[in-house]
Each structure stands twice: as C-alpha cells, then as structure tokens.
Amino acid sequence: MNANIKKGLVAVGAFAASATSFAQAADPGVDAITALSAQATTYISAAFAVAVLVAGGFWGIKMMKKAFSKAG
C-alpha cells in the first residue's frame, strides 16, 4: 500500500474518532437527530425502494421497445 494512502487513512480515522467524541457531548441537536434516526432510516429505505422500482420500470420499457422494434 502506498505511504500516502496509509497517511490518509490514519488522518481519516483520527478525524472520525474526534468527530464521534465531539458529537457525543450533551448537545440537544445531536440528541434530536439521534431520536429521528430510526424514522429517517425508514424514509430513506422507502425512497430507495421507489427509486429502484422507477429505474426498473424505465429499464423494462427500454427493453420492450428494443424487443418490439426487432420483432416488427
């Protein structure tokens, strides 16, 4: 592994550790975000499912157009 990559990973790890310890301080904003975490996860999962369905629909329409153009 490249030395610069190792240094970057160490820096990112140190930043993540300090950010985690900073965020765990008694902060009402962090507490509110943490309380909404489960609900936000549900909404994000639902939005991702809808996005997958829409993308699949467009892909299916594209494939059907391709199949019908070859058939006739």
C-alpha atoms as a PDB file:
ATOM      1  CA  MET A   1       0.000   0.000   0.000  1.00  0.00           C
ATOM      2  CA  ASN A   2       1.242   3.452  -0.865  1.00  0.00           C
ATOM      3  CA  ALA A   3       2.596   5.543   2.049  1.00  0.00           C
ATOM      4  CA  ASN A   4       0.324   8.461   1.119  1.00  0.00           C
ATOM      5  CA  ILE A   5      -2.712   6.195   1.250  1.00  0.00           C
ATOM      6  CA  LYS A   6      -1.686   4.945   4.692  1.00  0.00           C
ATOM      7  CA  LYS A   7      -1.255   8.516   5.941  1.00  0.00           C
ATOM      8  CA  GLY A   8      -4.644   9.451   4.507  1.00  0.00           C
ATOM      9  CA  LEU A   9      -6.337   6.507   6.197  1.00  0.00           C
ATOM     10  CA  VAL A  10      -4.764   7.410   9.527  1.00  0.00           C
ATOM     11  CA  ALA A  11      -5.915  11.019   9.135  1.00  0.00           C
ATOM     12  CA  VAL A  12      -9.464   9.961   8.248  1.00  0.00           C
ATOM     13  CA  GLY A  13      -9.557   7.567  11.211  1.00  0.00           C
ATOM     14  CA  ALA A  14      -8.364  10.269  13.595  1.00  0.00           C
ATOM     15  CA  PHE A  15     -10.924  12.720  12.218  1.00  0.00           C
ATOM     16  CA  ALA A  16     -13.739  10.172  12.569  1.00  0.00           C
ATOM     17  CA  ALA A  17     -12.726   9.397  16.167  1.00  0.00           C
ATOM     18  CA  SER A  18     -12.613  13.071  17.119  1.00  0.00           C
ATOM     19  CA  ALA A  19     -15.906  13.789  15.369  1.00  0.00           C
ATOM     20  CA  THR A  20     -17.545  10.880  17.189  1.00  0.00           C
ATOM     21  CA  SER A  21     -16.334  12.046  20.572  1.00  0.00           C
ATOM     22  CA  PHE A  22     -17.390  15.621  19.778  1.00  0.00           C
ATOM     23  CA  ALA A  23     -20.856  14.509  18.683  1.00  0.00           C
ATOM     24  CA  GLN A  24     -21.391  12.513  21.882  1.00  0.00           C
ATOM     25  CA  ALA A  25     -21.236  15.652  24.005  1.00  0.00           C
ATOM     26  CA  ALA A  26     -24.514  16.775  25.613  1.00  0.00           C
ATOM     27  CA  ASP A  27     -25.893  18.543  22.560  1.00  0.00           C
ATOM     28  CA  PRO A  28     -29.669  18.839  22.128  1.00  0.00           C
ATOM     29  CA  GLY A  29     -29.292  18.969  18.346  1.00  0.00           C
ATOM     30  CA  VAL A  30     -27.404  15.676  18.258  1.00  0.00           C
ATOM     31  CA  ASP A  31     -29.976  14.143  20.598  1.00  0.00           C
ATOM     32  CA  ALA A  32     -32.802  15.242  18.307  1.00  0.00           C
ATOM     33  CA  ILE A  33     -31.055  13.849  15.234  1.00  0.00           C
ATOM     34  CA  THR A  34     -30.372  10.570  17.026  1.00  0.00           C
ATOM     35  CA  ALA A  35     -34.025  10.319  18.069  1.00  0.00           C
ATOM     36  CA  LEU A  36     -35.123  10.765  14.445  1.00  0.00           C
ATOM     37  CA  SER A  37     -32.559   8.290  13.168  1.00  0.00           C
ATOM     38  CA  ALA A  38     -34.904   5.278  13.046  1.00  0.00           C
ATOM     39  CA  GLN A  39     -37.652   7.245  11.306  1.00  0.00           C
ATOM     40  CA  ALA A  40     -35.174   8.741   8.839  1.00  0.00           C
ATOM     41  CA  THR A  41     -33.811   5.281   8.077  1.00  0.00           C
ATOM     42  CA  THR A  42     -37.343   4.110   7.263  1.00  0.00           C
ATOM     43  CA  TYR A  43     -37.920   7.061   4.919  1.00  0.00           C
ATOM     44  CA  ILE A  44     -34.553   6.604   3.233  1.00  0.00           C
ATOM     45  CA  SER A  45     -35.232   2.896   2.707  1.00  0.00           C
ATOM     46  CA  ALA A  46     -38.651   3.639   1.230  1.00  0.00           C
ATOM     47  CA  ALA A  47     -37.218   6.312  -1.077  1.00  0.00           C
ATOM     48  CA  PHE A  48     -34.517   3.902  -2.244  1.00  0.00           C
ATOM     49  CA  ALA A  49     -37.134   1.219  -2.942  1.00  0.00           C
ATOM     50  CA  VAL A  50     -39.168   3.671  -5.019  1.00  0.00           C
ATOM     51  CA  ALA A  51     -36.053   4.740  -6.916  1.00  0.00           C
ATOM     52  CA  VAL A  52     -35.228   1.109  -7.701  1.00  0.00           C
ATOM     53  CA  LEU A  53     -38.781   0.479  -8.913  1.00  0.00           C
ATOM     54  CA  VAL A  54     -38.739   3.564 -11.136  1.00  0.00           C
ATOM     55  CA  ALA A  55     -35.337   2.686 -12.589  1.00  0.00           C
ATOM     56  CA  GLY A  56     -36.525  -0.875 -13.199  1.00  0.00           C
ATOM     57  CA  GLY A  57     -39.630   0.426 -14.925  1.00  0.00           C
ATOM     58  CA  PHE A  58     -37.639   2.620 -17.276  1.00  0.00           C
ATOM     59  CA  TRP A  59     -35.242  -0.238 -17.963  1.00  0.00           C
ATOM     60  CA  GLY A  60     -38.205  -2.533 -18.703  1.00  0.00           C
ATOM     61  CA  ILE A  61     -39.757   0.000 -21.073  1.00  0.00           C
ATOM     62  CA  LYS A  62     -36.427   0.355 -22.871  1.00  0.00           C
ATOM     63  CA  MET A  63     -36.091  -3.415 -23.238  1.00  0.00           C
ATOM     64  CA  MET A  64     -39.675  -3.773 -24.505  1.00  0.00           C
ATOM     65  CA  LYS A  65     -39.100  -1.025 -27.094  1.00  0.00           C
ATOM     66  CA  LYS A  66     -35.952  -2.796 -28.219  1.00  0.00           C
ATOM     67  CA  ALA A  67     -37.732  -6.163 -28.432  1.00  0.00           C
ATOM     68  CA  PHE A  68     -40.725  -4.764 -30.326  1.00  0.00           C
ATOM     69  CA  SER A  69     -38.532  -2.842 -32.763  1.00  0.00           C
ATOM     70  CA  LYS A  70     -36.669  -6.062 -33.620  1.00  0.00           C
ATOM     71  CA  ALA A  71     -39.890  -8.080 -33.906  1.00  0.00           C
ATOM     72  CA  GLY A  72     -41.689  -5.849 -36.303  1.00  0.00           C
END
